[in-house]
Amino acid sequence: MTSNKSFGLKVVEARKLVTPPLSQRKLAKRLKDNGLNVTPAEVAEIEAGKRFLNCFQASVLASVLNTTVFELNSLPPFSG
């Protein structure tokens, strides 16, 4: 398992690989539309590794970013 910081960096990478790339604000809106009520500031905390996500939250985040929790939590660079 990776650290929250590594997970957060993978979230940043995945957010930028979505077509079109998502801002933190747009990601927060998509998360809210999918049942995860977070603010853009909370997205920034996730990306900085300062906010822990439970399994449900990580699953919703991965789904919105078109990836898997495994990819976000893996050690090798994100393969998108």
C-alpha atoms as a PDB file:
ATOM      1  CA  MET A   1       0.000   0.000   0.000  1.00  0.00           C
ATOM      2  CA  THR A   2       1.214   3.499  -0.794  1.00  0.00           C
ATOM      3  CA  SER A   3       1.174   6.543   1.410  1.00  0.00           C
ATOM      4  CA  ASN A   4      -1.582   9.138   1.246  1.00  0.00           C
ATOM      5  CA  LYS A   5       0.911  11.440  -0.505  1.00  0.00           C
ATOM      6  CA  SER A   6       1.583   8.879  -3.268  1.00  0.00           C
ATOM      7  CA  PHE A   7      -2.147   8.217  -3.596  1.00  0.00           C
ATOM      8  CA  GLY A   8      -2.754  11.954  -3.897  1.00  0.00           C
ATOM      9  CA  LEU A   9      -0.144  12.310  -6.636  1.00  0.00           C
ATOM     10  CA  LYS A  10      -1.829   9.498  -8.559  1.00  0.00           C
ATOM     11  CA  VAL A  11      -5.164  11.323  -8.203  1.00  0.00           C
ATOM     12  CA  VAL A  12      -3.565  14.450  -9.704  1.00  0.00           C
ATOM     13  CA  GLU A  13      -2.178  12.411 -12.619  1.00  0.00           C
ATOM     14  CA  ALA A  14      -5.489  10.657 -13.232  1.00  0.00           C
ATOM     15  CA  ARG A  15      -7.430  13.939 -13.025  1.00  0.00           C
ATOM     16  CA  LYS A  16      -5.195  15.438 -15.706  1.00  0.00           C
ATOM     17  CA  LEU A  17      -5.491  12.353 -17.933  1.00  0.00           C
ATOM     18  CA  VAL A  18      -9.290  12.492 -18.073  1.00  0.00           C
ATOM     19  CA  THR A  19     -10.500  13.879 -21.400  1.00  0.00           C
ATOM     20  CA  PRO A  20     -10.911  16.769 -21.114  1.00  0.00           C
ATOM     21  CA  PRO A  21      -8.694  17.217 -18.044  1.00  0.00           C
ATOM     22  CA  LEU A  22     -10.611  18.101 -14.878  1.00  0.00           C
ATOM     23  CA  SER A  23      -9.936  20.986 -12.558  1.00  0.00           C
ATOM     24  CA  GLN A  24     -10.270  20.351  -8.835  1.00  0.00           C
ATOM     25  CA  ARG A  25     -13.573  22.220  -8.958  1.00  0.00           C
ATOM     26  CA  LYS A  26     -14.939  20.062 -11.795  1.00  0.00           C
ATOM     27  CA  LEU A  27     -13.736  16.893 -10.071  1.00  0.00           C
ATOM     28  CA  ALA A  28     -15.513  17.958  -6.872  1.00  0.00           C
ATOM     29  CA  LYS A  29     -18.723  18.497  -8.865  1.00  0.00           C
ATOM     30  CA  ARG A  30     -18.487  15.090 -10.547  1.00  0.00           C
ATOM     31  CA  LEU A  31     -17.835  13.456  -7.198  1.00  0.00           C
ATOM     32  CA  LYS A  32     -20.876  15.199  -5.742  1.00  0.00           C
ATOM     33  CA  ASP A  33     -22.973  14.050  -8.712  1.00  0.00           C
ATOM     34  CA  ASN A  34     -21.860  10.491  -7.872  1.00  0.00           C
ATOM     35  CA  GLY A  35     -22.746  10.628  -4.190  1.00  0.00           C
ATOM     36  CA  LEU A  36     -19.501  11.869  -2.662  1.00  0.00           C
ATOM     37  CA  ASN A  37     -20.003  15.373  -1.303  1.00  0.00           C
ATOM     38  CA  VAL A  38     -16.570  17.028  -1.299  1.00  0.00           C
ATOM     39  CA  THR A  39     -15.477  20.583  -1.965  1.00  0.00           C
ATOM     40  CA  PRO A  40     -12.648  21.670  -4.269  1.00  0.00           C
ATOM     41  CA  ALA A  41     -10.625  22.400  -1.103  1.00  0.00           C
ATOM     42  CA  GLU A  42     -11.149  18.814   0.027  1.00  0.00           C
ATOM     43  CA  VAL A  43     -10.016  17.563  -3.405  1.00  0.00           C
ATOM     44  CA  ALA A  44      -6.839  19.604  -2.867  1.00  0.00           C
ATOM     45  CA  GLU A  45      -6.382  17.935   0.539  1.00  0.00           C
ATOM     46  CA  ILE A  46      -6.785  14.485  -1.043  1.00  0.00           C
ATOM     47  CA  GLU A  47      -4.224  15.360  -3.704  1.00  0.00           C
ATOM     48  CA  ALA A  48      -1.808  16.669  -1.071  1.00  0.00           C
ATOM     49  CA  GLY A  49      -2.144  13.462   0.934  1.00  0.00           C
ATOM     50  CA  LYS A  50      -3.700  15.315   3.862  1.00  0.00           C
ATOM     51  CA  ARG A  51      -7.097  13.636   3.684  1.00  0.00           C
ATOM     52  CA  PHE A  52      -7.735   9.936   4.188  1.00  0.00           C
ATOM     53  CA  LEU A  53     -10.423   8.212   2.099  1.00  0.00           C
ATOM     54  CA  ASN A  54     -12.429   5.182   3.125  1.00  0.00           C
ATOM     55  CA  CYS A  55     -13.070   2.352   0.651  1.00  0.00           C
ATOM     56  CA  PHE A  56     -16.357   3.784  -0.625  1.00  0.00           C
ATOM     57  CA  GLN A  57     -14.868   7.239  -1.172  1.00  0.00           C
ATOM     58  CA  ALA A  58     -11.811   5.838  -2.960  1.00  0.00           C
ATOM     59  CA  SER A  59     -14.077   3.701  -5.151  1.00  0.00           C
ATOM     60  CA  VAL A  60     -16.225   6.663  -6.203  1.00  0.00           C
ATOM     61  CA  LEU A  61     -13.116   8.752  -6.861  1.00  0.00           C
ATOM     62  CA  ALA A  62     -11.553   6.018  -8.995  1.00  0.00           C
ATOM     63  CA  SER A  63     -14.781   5.526 -10.940  1.00  0.00           C
ATOM     64  CA  VAL A  64     -15.094   9.242 -11.718  1.00  0.00           C
ATOM     65  CA  LEU A  65     -11.445   9.282 -12.847  1.00  0.00           C
ATOM     66  CA  ASN A  66     -11.999   6.248 -15.075  1.00  0.00           C
ATOM     67  CA  THR A  67      -9.500   4.099 -13.204  1.00  0.00           C
ATOM     68  CA  THR A  68      -9.395   1.688 -10.287  1.00  0.00           C
ATOM     69  CA  VAL A  69      -8.513   2.032  -6.633  1.00  0.00           C
ATOM     70  CA  PHE A  70      -5.735  -0.478  -7.314  1.00  0.00           C
ATOM     71  CA  GLU A  71      -4.195   1.838  -9.936  1.00  0.00           C
ATOM     72  CA  LEU A  72      -4.431   4.840  -7.637  1.00  0.00           C
ATOM     73  CA  ASN A  73      -2.866   2.861  -4.814  1.00  0.00           C
ATOM     74  CA  SER A  74      -0.140   1.072  -6.810  1.00  0.00           C
ATOM     75  CA  LEU A  75       3.541   1.885  -6.574  1.00  0.00           C
ATOM     76  CA  PRO A  76       4.505   2.015 -10.282  1.00  0.00           C
ATOM     77  CA  PRO A  77       3.768   5.209 -12.224  1.00  0.00           C
ATOM     78  CA  PHE A  78       0.179   5.615 -13.343  1.00  0.00           C
ATOM     79  CA  SER A  79      -0.346   3.966 -16.730  1.00  0.00           C
ATOM     80  CA  GLY A  80      -3.665   5.662 -17.488  1.00  0.00           C
END
